[in-house]
N, C-alpha and C. Protein backbone atom coordinates (compact mmCIF):
# COMPACT_ATOMS: atom_id res chain seq x y z
N MET A 1 -32.63 10.74 10.11
CA MET A 1 -31.84 10.02 9.17
C MET A 1 -30.88 9.04 9.90
N THR A 2 -30.80 7.84 9.45
CA THR A 2 -29.89 6.89 10.17
C THR A 2 -28.45 7.13 9.76
N PRO A 3 -27.51 6.71 10.59
CA PRO A 3 -26.06 6.97 10.28
C PRO A 3 -25.68 6.32 8.89
N ALA A 4 -26.24 5.18 8.59
CA ALA A 4 -25.93 4.55 7.33
C ALA A 4 -26.42 5.38 6.17
N ALA A 5 -27.61 5.89 6.30
CA ALA A 5 -28.19 6.68 5.23
C ALA A 5 -27.43 8.00 5.02
N SER A 6 -27.02 8.63 6.13
CA SER A 6 -26.22 9.89 6.06
C SER A 6 -24.85 9.61 5.42
N ALA A 7 -24.30 8.47 5.72
CA ALA A 7 -23.03 8.08 5.10
C ALA A 7 -23.11 7.88 3.60
N CYS A 8 -24.25 7.34 3.14
CA CYS A 8 -24.45 7.18 1.69
C CYS A 8 -24.62 8.48 0.99
N THR A 9 -25.22 9.47 1.59
CA THR A 9 -25.47 10.72 0.96
C THR A 9 -24.25 11.64 1.03
N SER A 10 -23.21 11.32 1.79
CA SER A 10 -22.05 12.17 1.94
C SER A 10 -21.12 12.07 0.71
N SER A 11 -21.35 11.02 -0.11
CA SER A 11 -20.45 10.87 -1.33
C SER A 11 -20.68 12.04 -2.26
N THR A 12 -19.58 12.63 -2.62
CA THR A 12 -19.68 13.82 -3.48
C THR A 12 -19.02 13.64 -4.81
N LEU A 13 -18.26 12.55 -4.96
CA LEU A 13 -17.50 12.29 -6.15
C LEU A 13 -18.11 11.05 -6.93
N ALA A 14 -17.94 11.05 -8.22
CA ALA A 14 -18.29 9.92 -8.98
C ALA A 14 -17.02 9.50 -9.81
N CYS A 15 -16.85 8.19 -9.80
CA CYS A 15 -15.70 7.65 -10.56
C CYS A 15 -15.80 8.07 -12.03
N ARG A 16 -14.73 8.47 -12.59
CA ARG A 16 -14.70 8.97 -14.01
C ARG A 16 -14.96 7.84 -15.01
N ASP A 17 -14.67 6.60 -14.58
CA ASP A 17 -14.79 5.43 -15.54
C ASP A 17 -16.12 4.73 -15.41
N CYS A 18 -16.58 4.46 -14.16
CA CYS A 18 -17.80 3.69 -14.00
C CYS A 18 -18.94 4.42 -13.44
N GLY A 19 -18.69 5.63 -12.89
CA GLY A 19 -19.82 6.44 -12.35
C GLY A 19 -20.13 6.12 -10.93
N ARG A 20 -19.46 5.10 -10.27
CA ARG A 20 -19.79 4.79 -8.85
C ARG A 20 -19.51 5.94 -7.98
N MET A 21 -20.40 6.23 -7.05
CA MET A 21 -20.26 7.29 -6.07
C MET A 21 -19.19 6.84 -5.07
N ILE A 22 -18.27 7.74 -4.77
CA ILE A 22 -17.12 7.49 -3.91
C ILE A 22 -16.88 8.62 -2.92
N ASP A 23 -16.27 8.37 -1.83
CA ASP A 23 -16.03 9.42 -0.85
C ASP A 23 -14.74 10.17 -1.14
N LEU A 24 -13.76 9.47 -1.71
CA LEU A 24 -12.51 10.18 -2.09
C LEU A 24 -11.85 9.38 -3.19
N CYS A 25 -10.97 10.00 -3.90
CA CYS A 25 -10.22 9.35 -5.04
C CYS A 25 -9.30 8.25 -4.53
N ALA A 26 -9.32 7.04 -5.13
CA ALA A 26 -8.51 5.97 -4.70
C ALA A 26 -7.07 6.22 -5.11
N PHE A 27 -6.77 7.06 -6.05
CA PHE A 27 -5.38 7.30 -6.51
C PHE A 27 -4.70 8.35 -5.55
N CYS A 28 -5.30 9.48 -5.51
CA CYS A 28 -4.68 10.60 -4.82
C CYS A 28 -5.25 10.82 -3.36
N GLU A 29 -6.29 10.03 -3.04
CA GLU A 29 -6.96 10.11 -1.75
C GLU A 29 -7.39 11.48 -1.38
N ARG A 30 -7.85 12.26 -2.31
CA ARG A 30 -8.43 13.58 -2.07
C ARG A 30 -9.92 13.60 -2.24
N VAL A 31 -10.58 14.40 -1.48
CA VAL A 31 -12.04 14.57 -1.57
C VAL A 31 -12.42 15.35 -2.81
N GLU A 32 -11.58 16.35 -3.14
CA GLU A 32 -11.81 17.16 -4.30
C GLU A 32 -10.81 16.83 -5.42
N CYS A 33 -11.18 15.93 -6.26
CA CYS A 33 -10.33 15.46 -7.35
C CYS A 33 -11.10 15.62 -8.65
N ALA A 34 -10.43 16.19 -9.66
CA ALA A 34 -11.12 16.43 -10.93
C ALA A 34 -11.28 15.15 -11.77
N VAL A 35 -10.39 14.23 -11.56
CA VAL A 35 -10.45 12.93 -12.33
C VAL A 35 -10.48 11.77 -11.28
N ALA A 36 -11.46 11.73 -10.45
CA ALA A 36 -11.51 10.74 -9.37
C ALA A 36 -11.73 9.35 -9.97
N SER A 37 -11.13 8.38 -9.31
CA SER A 37 -11.25 7.02 -9.65
C SER A 37 -11.60 6.14 -8.47
N CYS A 38 -12.44 5.15 -8.61
CA CYS A 38 -12.71 4.21 -7.51
C CYS A 38 -11.68 3.23 -7.46
N HIS A 39 -11.59 2.44 -6.36
CA HIS A 39 -10.55 1.45 -6.16
C HIS A 39 -10.64 0.30 -7.21
N VAL A 40 -11.83 -0.07 -7.72
CA VAL A 40 -11.99 -1.12 -8.66
C VAL A 40 -11.41 -0.68 -10.01
N CYS A 41 -11.76 0.58 -10.43
CA CYS A 41 -11.28 1.02 -11.71
C CYS A 41 -9.76 1.34 -11.66
N LEU A 42 -9.26 1.74 -10.50
CA LEU A 42 -7.82 2.01 -10.40
C LEU A 42 -7.05 0.69 -10.48
N ARG A 43 -7.56 -0.36 -9.80
CA ARG A 43 -6.88 -1.69 -9.94
C ARG A 43 -6.88 -2.20 -11.38
N LEU A 44 -8.03 -1.97 -12.12
CA LEU A 44 -8.06 -2.33 -13.53
C LEU A 44 -7.04 -1.60 -14.36
N ALA A 45 -6.93 -0.29 -14.07
CA ALA A 45 -6.04 0.62 -14.86
C ALA A 45 -4.59 0.22 -14.57
N LEU A 46 -4.27 -0.18 -13.36
CA LEU A 46 -2.88 -0.52 -13.04
C LEU A 46 -2.57 -1.90 -13.42
N GLY A 47 -3.49 -2.72 -13.89
CA GLY A 47 -3.30 -4.13 -14.23
C GLY A 47 -3.18 -5.04 -13.07
N GLU A 48 -3.64 -4.60 -11.92
CA GLU A 48 -3.60 -5.54 -10.73
C GLU A 48 -4.67 -6.61 -10.72
N THR A 49 -5.70 -6.43 -11.61
CA THR A 49 -6.79 -7.34 -11.72
C THR A 49 -7.29 -7.29 -13.13
N LEU A 50 -8.09 -8.25 -13.52
CA LEU A 50 -8.68 -8.28 -14.88
C LEU A 50 -10.21 -8.13 -14.71
N ALA A 51 -10.85 -7.57 -15.70
CA ALA A 51 -12.26 -7.43 -15.70
C ALA A 51 -12.86 -8.85 -15.88
N HIS A 52 -13.83 -9.20 -15.08
CA HIS A 52 -14.45 -10.50 -15.19
C HIS A 52 -15.78 -10.42 -15.95
N PRO A 53 -15.99 -11.35 -16.87
CA PRO A 53 -17.24 -11.31 -17.58
C PRO A 53 -18.39 -11.73 -16.65
N HIS A 54 -19.56 -11.46 -17.02
CA HIS A 54 -20.76 -11.83 -16.24
C HIS A 54 -20.83 -13.44 -16.26
N ALA A 55 -21.44 -13.89 -15.14
CA ALA A 55 -21.51 -15.36 -15.04
C ALA A 55 -22.32 -16.03 -16.09
N HIS A 56 -23.33 -15.25 -16.62
CA HIS A 56 -24.20 -15.82 -17.71
C HIS A 56 -23.54 -15.66 -19.08
N GLY A 57 -22.35 -15.13 -19.19
CA GLY A 57 -21.66 -15.03 -20.44
C GLY A 57 -21.98 -13.88 -21.30
N GLY A 58 -22.77 -12.95 -20.75
CA GLY A 58 -23.16 -11.76 -21.58
C GLY A 58 -22.35 -10.57 -21.25
């Protein structure tokens, strides 16, 4: 197995909002978090960024 492939399979958490596989929670930075959040969803929740619509308007 290549190092890149093994790195992808080491993700054990899924973001509670979008389901993206993450290595650790972006909020508490723990590997074992019951309500893990990815950095994209965390920034949206904190109001640091806005959700952008698709380029095709859908």
